[in-house]
N, C-alpha and C. Protein backbone atom coordinates (compact mmCIF):
# COMPACT_ATOMS: atom_id res chain seq x y z
N MET A 1 96.58 92.33 97.58
CA MET A 1 96.75 92.08 96.18
C MET A 1 98.07 91.33 96.03
N ILE A 2 98.07 90.27 95.24
CA ILE A 2 99.28 89.46 95.05
C ILE A 2 99.57 89.31 93.56
N ASP A 3 100.81 89.56 93.18
CA ASP A 3 101.29 89.29 91.83
C ASP A 3 101.73 87.83 91.84
N THR A 4 100.97 86.96 91.21
CA THR A 4 101.27 85.52 91.27
C THR A 4 102.56 85.17 90.53
N ALA A 5 102.97 86.01 89.59
CA ALA A 5 104.20 85.74 88.85
C ALA A 5 105.44 85.98 89.71
N THR A 6 105.40 87.02 90.55
CA THR A 6 106.57 87.37 91.35
C THR A 6 106.41 87.05 92.83
N GLY A 7 105.19 86.85 93.27
CA GLY A 7 104.92 86.61 94.68
C GLY A 7 104.84 87.89 95.51
N LYS A 8 105.05 89.04 94.86
CA LYS A 8 104.98 90.32 95.57
C LYS A 8 103.54 90.58 96.01
N SER A 9 103.38 91.03 97.25
CA SER A 9 102.03 91.34 97.74
C SER A 9 101.99 92.76 98.28
N ILE A 10 100.83 93.37 98.15
CA ILE A 10 100.58 94.72 98.62
C ILE A 10 99.21 94.71 99.31
N SER A 11 99.12 95.40 100.42
CA SER A 11 97.82 95.52 101.08
C SER A 11 97.63 96.93 101.60
N ARG A 12 96.40 97.33 101.73
CA ARG A 12 96.05 98.65 102.23
C ARG A 12 94.79 98.52 103.09
N VAL A 13 94.67 99.42 104.03
CA VAL A 13 93.43 99.56 104.79
C VAL A 13 92.87 100.93 104.43
N ILE A 14 91.64 100.94 103.96
CA ILE A 14 91.01 102.17 103.54
C ILE A 14 89.83 102.44 104.47
N LYS A 15 89.85 103.59 105.10
CA LYS A 15 88.78 103.96 106.03
C LYS A 15 87.82 104.92 105.33
N THR A 16 86.55 104.58 105.37
CA THR A 16 85.51 105.43 104.82
C THR A 16 84.43 105.58 105.88
N GLU A 17 84.14 106.81 106.23
CA GLU A 17 83.10 107.06 107.23
C GLU A 17 81.87 107.66 106.56
N LEU A 18 80.72 107.16 106.97
CA LEU A 18 79.45 107.66 106.45
C LEU A 18 78.69 108.31 107.59
N PHE A 19 78.07 109.40 107.29
CA PHE A 19 77.24 110.08 108.26
C PHE A 19 75.82 110.06 107.70
N MET A 20 74.95 109.39 108.42
CA MET A 20 73.58 109.22 107.97
C MET A 20 72.70 110.31 108.59
N ARG A 21 71.72 110.71 107.85
CA ARG A 21 70.75 111.64 108.40
C ARG A 21 69.80 110.86 109.31
N GLU A 22 69.07 111.55 110.13
CA GLU A 22 68.09 110.92 111.01
C GLU A 22 66.98 110.30 110.16
N LEU A 23 66.69 109.04 110.40
CA LEU A 23 65.65 108.35 109.64
C LEU A 23 64.44 108.10 110.53
N THR A 24 63.28 108.24 109.93
CA THR A 24 62.05 107.94 110.65
C THR A 24 61.65 106.49 110.37
N GLU A 25 60.83 105.95 111.20
CA GLU A 25 60.37 104.57 110.98
C GLU A 25 59.62 104.42 109.66
N PRO A 26 58.75 105.37 109.27
CA PRO A 26 58.11 105.26 107.96
C PRO A 26 59.12 105.26 106.79
N GLU A 27 60.20 106.03 106.91
CA GLU A 27 61.22 106.04 105.86
C GLU A 27 61.91 104.68 105.76
N ILE A 28 62.23 104.11 106.89
CA ILE A 28 62.87 102.79 106.91
C ILE A 28 61.94 101.76 106.29
N ASN A 29 60.69 101.78 106.66
CA ASN A 29 59.72 100.83 106.11
C ASN A 29 59.53 101.02 104.61
N LYS A 30 59.53 102.27 104.17
CA LYS A 30 59.41 102.55 102.73
C LYS A 30 60.58 101.92 101.98
N TYR A 31 61.77 102.08 102.52
CA TYR A 31 62.94 101.48 101.87
C TYR A 31 62.81 99.96 101.82
N LEU A 32 62.45 99.35 102.93
CA LEU A 32 62.34 97.89 102.99
C LEU A 32 61.30 97.37 102.01
N GLU A 33 60.25 98.14 101.77
CA GLU A 33 59.22 97.75 100.80
C GLU A 33 59.72 97.91 99.36
N GLN A 34 60.56 98.91 99.10
CA GLN A 34 61.05 99.19 97.75
C GLN A 34 62.11 98.22 97.29
N ASP A 35 62.98 97.78 98.18
CA ASP A 35 64.12 96.96 97.80
C ASP A 35 64.01 95.58 98.42
N PRO A 36 63.51 94.60 97.67
CA PRO A 36 63.33 93.27 98.21
C PRO A 36 64.66 92.56 98.52
N ASN A 37 65.77 93.10 98.03
CA ASN A 37 67.08 92.49 98.27
C ASN A 37 67.87 93.19 99.36
N PHE A 38 67.20 93.96 100.22
CA PHE A 38 67.90 94.75 101.23
C PHE A 38 68.82 93.92 102.12
N ASN A 39 68.52 92.67 102.31
CA ASN A 39 69.34 91.83 103.20
C ASN A 39 70.43 91.06 102.46
N ILE A 40 70.62 91.34 101.19
CA ILE A 40 71.64 90.65 100.39
C ILE A 40 72.92 91.47 100.30
N TYR A 41 72.80 92.78 100.23
CA TYR A 41 73.96 93.64 100.04
C TYR A 41 74.88 93.61 101.26
N ALA A 42 76.18 93.69 101.01
CA ALA A 42 77.15 93.70 102.10
C ALA A 42 76.93 94.90 103.01
N LEU A 43 76.48 96.00 102.45
CA LEU A 43 76.26 97.21 103.24
C LEU A 43 74.92 97.21 103.95
N GLY A 44 74.04 96.27 103.59
CA GLY A 44 72.71 96.27 104.16
C GLY A 44 71.72 97.08 103.34
N TYR A 45 72.22 97.84 102.39
CA TYR A 45 71.36 98.58 101.47
C TYR A 45 72.17 98.96 100.25
N ASP A 46 71.48 99.23 99.18
CA ASP A 46 72.12 99.65 97.93
C ASP A 46 72.19 101.17 97.93
N PRO A 47 73.37 101.75 98.09
CA PRO A 47 73.47 103.20 98.24
C PRO A 47 73.15 103.99 96.98
N LEU A 48 73.07 103.35 95.84
CA LEU A 48 72.82 104.07 94.60
C LEU A 48 71.40 103.93 94.09
N SER A 49 70.61 103.14 94.75
CA SER A 49 69.26 102.88 94.25
C SER A 49 68.22 103.08 95.34
N TYR A 50 67.01 103.10 94.89
CA TYR A 50 65.88 103.14 95.80
C TYR A 50 65.93 104.36 96.73
N TYR A 51 65.19 104.30 97.75
CA TYR A 51 65.07 105.39 98.71
C TYR A 51 66.34 105.57 99.53
N SER A 52 67.13 104.53 99.63
CA SER A 52 68.34 104.58 100.46
C SER A 52 69.36 105.58 99.94
N SER A 53 69.26 105.99 98.70
CA SER A 53 70.21 106.97 98.18
C SER A 53 70.08 108.31 98.88
N THR A 54 69.02 108.50 99.65
CA THR A 54 68.82 109.76 100.38
C THR A 54 69.29 109.66 101.83
N PHE A 55 69.75 108.51 102.26
CA PHE A 55 70.09 108.30 103.67
C PHE A 55 71.40 108.95 104.10
N VAL A 56 72.39 108.96 103.21
CA VAL A 56 73.72 109.43 103.59
C VAL A 56 73.80 110.94 103.47
N LYS A 57 74.24 111.57 104.54
CA LYS A 57 74.37 113.02 104.59
C LYS A 57 75.78 113.45 104.18
N LYS A 58 76.79 112.63 104.53
CA LYS A 58 78.18 113.03 104.29
C LYS A 58 79.06 111.78 104.20
N ILE A 59 80.06 111.83 103.32
CA ILE A 59 81.03 110.75 103.18
C ILE A 59 82.42 111.33 103.41
N GLU A 60 83.19 110.68 104.27
CA GLU A 60 84.60 111.04 104.44
C GLU A 60 85.41 109.81 104.09
N GLY A 61 86.16 109.90 103.01
CA GLY A 61 86.95 108.76 102.56
C GLY A 61 86.64 108.44 101.11
N SER A 62 86.67 107.18 100.78
CA SER A 62 86.52 106.71 99.41
C SER A 62 85.05 106.56 99.01
N TYR A 63 84.64 107.33 98.03
CA TYR A 63 83.29 107.21 97.49
C TYR A 63 83.08 105.81 96.91
N ASN A 64 84.07 105.31 96.17
CA ASN A 64 83.95 103.97 95.57
C ASN A 64 83.87 102.88 96.62
N ASN A 65 84.59 103.03 97.70
CA ASN A 65 84.54 102.06 98.79
C ASN A 65 83.12 101.96 99.32
N PHE A 66 82.46 103.08 99.42
CA PHE A 66 81.08 103.11 99.90
C PHE A 66 80.10 102.57 98.86
N THR A 67 80.15 103.08 97.64
CA THR A 67 79.14 102.72 96.65
C THR A 67 79.36 101.38 95.98
N ARG A 68 80.61 100.96 95.84
CA ARG A 68 80.91 99.72 95.13
C ARG A 68 81.49 98.63 96.03
N GLY A 69 81.84 99.00 97.26
CA GLY A 69 82.39 98.01 98.18
C GLY A 69 83.87 97.77 98.01
N ILE A 70 84.51 98.55 97.14
CA ILE A 70 85.96 98.42 96.92
C ILE A 70 86.49 99.79 96.49
N PRO A 71 87.59 100.24 97.08
CA PRO A 71 88.13 101.55 96.73
C PRO A 71 88.91 101.48 95.42
N LEU A 72 88.21 101.61 94.32
CA LEU A 72 88.83 101.43 93.00
C LEU A 72 90.01 102.35 92.76
N GLU A 73 89.93 103.60 93.25
CA GLU A 73 91.03 104.54 93.04
C GLU A 73 92.31 104.05 93.73
N VAL A 74 92.17 103.36 94.85
CA VAL A 74 93.32 102.81 95.56
C VAL A 74 93.82 101.56 94.84
N MET A 75 92.93 100.78 94.30
CA MET A 75 93.33 99.58 93.56
C MET A 75 94.20 99.94 92.35
N VAL A 76 93.85 101.03 91.66
CA VAL A 76 94.65 101.49 90.52
C VAL A 76 96.05 101.87 90.98
N GLU A 77 96.15 102.58 92.10
CA GLU A 77 97.46 102.95 92.65
C GLU A 77 98.28 101.70 93.00
N MET A 78 97.62 100.73 93.59
CA MET A 78 98.31 99.50 93.97
C MET A 78 98.82 98.74 92.75
N LEU A 79 98.00 98.69 91.70
CA LEU A 79 98.43 98.01 90.47
C LEU A 79 99.67 98.67 89.88
N LYS A 80 99.76 99.98 89.97
CA LYS A 80 100.92 100.70 89.45
C LYS A 80 102.18 100.33 90.22
N GLU A 81 102.04 99.98 91.48
CA GLU A 81 103.20 99.57 92.29
C GLU A 81 103.81 98.27 91.78
N PHE A 82 103.02 97.43 91.16
CA PHE A 82 103.55 96.19 90.59
C PHE A 82 104.40 96.45 89.36
N GLU A 83 104.20 97.59 88.71
CA GLU A 83 104.97 97.93 87.51
C GLU A 83 106.39 98.35 87.85
N LYS A 84 106.64 98.72 89.10
CA LYS A 84 107.96 99.22 89.51
C LYS A 84 108.98 98.10 89.60
């Protein structure tokens, strides 16, 4: 993140681990049939829609990083650092 007015930059690395349950071939095929855009998402599937919402067993880290592709809670913290 860069403040263009001051040139100050901040960066973070956020680790999020997902633990998937065991999937059967019919489950995978069902998902592929339900979501015609499965190959468009950065994650390879939309975690909040379709059958894929049942795939994840456990999340360690940022829920937003997983579901939205960006850790929004960390972004808010970083923005506050620019106020200092």
